[in-house]
N, C-alpha and C. Protein backbone atom coordinates (compact mmCIF):
# COMPACT_ATOMS: atom_id res chain seq x y z
N MET A 1 71.87 86.44 -76.20
CA MET A 1 70.62 87.00 -77.02
C MET A 1 69.80 85.72 -77.90
N SER A 2 68.21 85.71 -77.37
CA SER A 2 67.99 84.40 -78.32
C SER A 2 68.04 84.55 -79.64
N ASP A 3 68.15 83.63 -80.25
CA ASP A 3 67.72 83.05 -81.93
C ASP A 3 66.53 82.78 -81.74
N THR A 4 65.58 83.19 -81.12
CA THR A 4 63.94 83.39 -82.25
C THR A 4 63.01 84.29 -80.55
N VAL A 5 62.04 84.96 -80.97
CA VAL A 5 61.34 85.79 -80.69
C VAL A 5 59.82 85.51 -80.76
N THR A 6 59.23 85.24 -79.98
CA THR A 6 57.48 84.31 -79.82
C THR A 6 56.66 85.77 -79.89
N CYS A 7 55.91 85.55 -81.17
CA CYS A 7 55.32 86.42 -81.39
C CYS A 7 54.81 86.35 -79.72
N ARG A 8 53.53 87.93 -79.67
CA ARG A 8 52.53 87.85 -78.34
C ARG A 8 51.66 88.00 -78.74
N ASN A 9 50.93 88.36 -79.63
CA ASN A 9 49.83 88.00 -80.59
C ASN A 9 49.12 86.53 -80.36
N CYS A 10 49.90 85.34 -81.85
CA CYS A 10 49.72 84.36 -81.08
C CYS A 10 50.41 83.62 -80.66
N GLY A 11 51.94 83.30 -80.45
CA GLY A 11 52.43 82.95 -80.27
C GLY A 11 53.78 81.86 -80.71
N PHE A 12 53.89 82.19 -81.75
CA PHE A 12 54.42 81.72 -83.27
C PHE A 12 55.56 81.83 -82.91
N VAL A 13 56.67 80.75 -82.80
CA VAL A 13 58.17 81.79 -82.60
C VAL A 13 58.51 81.40 -83.52
N ASN A 14 58.78 82.38 -84.22
CA ASN A 14 59.46 83.71 -84.96
C ASN A 14 61.18 83.89 -84.43
N THR A 15 62.16 83.68 -85.85
CA THR A 15 63.20 83.44 -85.95
C THR A 15 64.06 85.21 -85.34
N ALA A 16 64.92 85.30 -84.61
CA ALA A 16 65.11 86.66 -84.09
C ALA A 16 65.05 88.21 -84.87
N SER A 17 66.13 87.25 -86.58
CA SER A 17 65.72 88.78 -87.45
C SER A 17 64.63 88.82 -88.15
N ASP A 18 63.86 88.21 -87.76
CA ASP A 18 61.86 88.34 -88.26
C ASP A 18 61.60 89.89 -87.84
N GLU A 19 60.30 90.54 -88.37
CA GLU A 19 60.50 92.42 -87.70
C GLU A 19 58.35 91.99 -87.25
N PHE A 20 58.31 90.82 -88.38
CA PHE A 20 56.53 90.64 -88.23
C PHE A 20 56.78 89.12 -88.39
N CYS A 21 55.50 88.52 -87.98
CA CYS A 21 55.16 87.88 -87.03
C CYS A 21 55.17 86.32 -88.52
N GLY A 22 55.55 85.34 -88.91
CA GLY A 22 55.95 84.08 -89.92
C GLY A 22 54.06 83.85 -89.75
N ASN A 23 53.24 83.90 -88.57
CA ASN A 23 51.88 83.76 -88.58
C ASN A 23 50.97 84.23 -88.72
N CYS A 24 50.65 84.95 -88.10
CA CYS A 24 49.93 86.39 -87.52
C CYS A 24 50.12 87.88 -88.40
N GLY A 25 51.50 87.98 -89.40
CA GLY A 25 52.03 89.51 -89.61
C GLY A 25 51.67 90.08 -88.37
N ARG A 26 51.66 90.29 -87.32
CA ARG A 26 51.64 90.97 -86.40
C ARG A 26 53.47 91.43 -86.48
N PHE A 27 53.35 93.15 -85.76
CA PHE A 27 55.01 93.77 -85.80
C PHE A 27 55.05 92.88 -84.53
N LEU A 28 56.56 92.63 -84.48
CA LEU A 28 57.33 91.53 -83.34
C LEU A 28 58.16 92.81 -82.44
N GLU A 29 57.91 92.44 -81.20
CA GLU A 29 58.44 94.01 -80.11
C GLU A 29 59.87 92.60 -79.00
N TRP A 30 60.97 94.06 -79.46
CA TRP A 30 61.32 92.77 -78.49
C TRP A 30 61.49 93.46 -77.49
N SER A 31 61.78 92.86 -75.94
CA SER A 31 62.01 92.84 -75.67
C SER A 31 63.32 93.57 -74.17
N THR A 32 64.31 93.62 -75.68
CA THR A 32 65.20 94.23 -74.90
C THR A 32 65.54 95.92 -75.05
N GLU A 33 64.20 96.29 -75.03
CA GLU A 33 63.84 97.88 -75.28
C GLU A 33 64.00 98.57 -73.79
N PRO A 34 64.87 99.95 -73.99
CA PRO A 34 65.12 100.37 -72.13
C PRO A 34 63.64 100.67 -71.92
N GLY A 35 63.14 100.35 -70.65
CA GLY A 35 62.14 100.67 -70.67
C GLY A 35 61.13 99.81 -69.99
N GLY A 36 61.24 98.41 -70.98
CA GLY A 36 60.19 97.21 -71.49
C GLY A 36 59.09 98.04 -71.53
N ALA A 37 58.83 99.05 -72.81
CA ALA A 37 57.33 99.19 -72.54
C ALA A 37 56.88 98.25 -73.14
N ALA A 38 55.67 98.35 -72.69
CA ALA A 38 54.34 96.71 -72.86
C ALA A 38 53.57 97.39 -74.58
N GLU A 39 53.89 96.14 -75.47
CA GLU A 39 52.52 97.26 -76.31
C GLU A 39 51.88 97.54 -76.26
N GLY A 40 51.45 98.66 -77.54
CA GLY A 40 49.97 99.38 -77.32
C GLY A 40 49.88 100.39 -75.97
N THR A 41 50.90 100.54 -75.33
CA THR A 41 51.40 101.73 -73.86
C THR A 41 51.63 102.80 -74.11
N ALA A 42 51.19 103.76 -73.54
CA ALA A 42 51.21 104.89 -73.84
C ALA A 42 51.44 105.82 -72.84
N PRO A 43 52.67 107.31 -72.29
CA PRO A 43 52.47 107.71 -70.97
C PRO A 43 51.38 108.26 -70.66
N PRO A 44 50.96 108.66 -69.91
CA PRO A 44 49.33 108.97 -69.38
C PRO A 44 49.22 110.91 -70.00
N ALA A 45 48.31 110.87 -69.93
CA ALA A 45 48.00 111.81 -70.41
C ALA A 45 48.15 113.39 -70.05
N ALA A 46 48.87 113.94 -69.83
CA ALA A 46 49.27 115.32 -68.88
C ALA A 46 48.39 116.43 -68.38
N SER A 47 47.29 116.56 -67.30
CA SER A 47 45.77 116.84 -67.02
C SER A 47 45.97 118.93 -67.41
C-alpha cells in the first residue's frame, strides 16, 4: 500500500491518511474501492 495519495483535481501529493487534499480541499478518492469507479460517475438511469 502506498503512503501517499495524489489528488485527482490538482495533483498535490497527500499522505495516505488524509481524507481531503491539503492543497485544494477536494475529497480524496482511493483506488482500492471495489469496481474502481471514477469520480463523478453514476450508473446509467433505467429507461
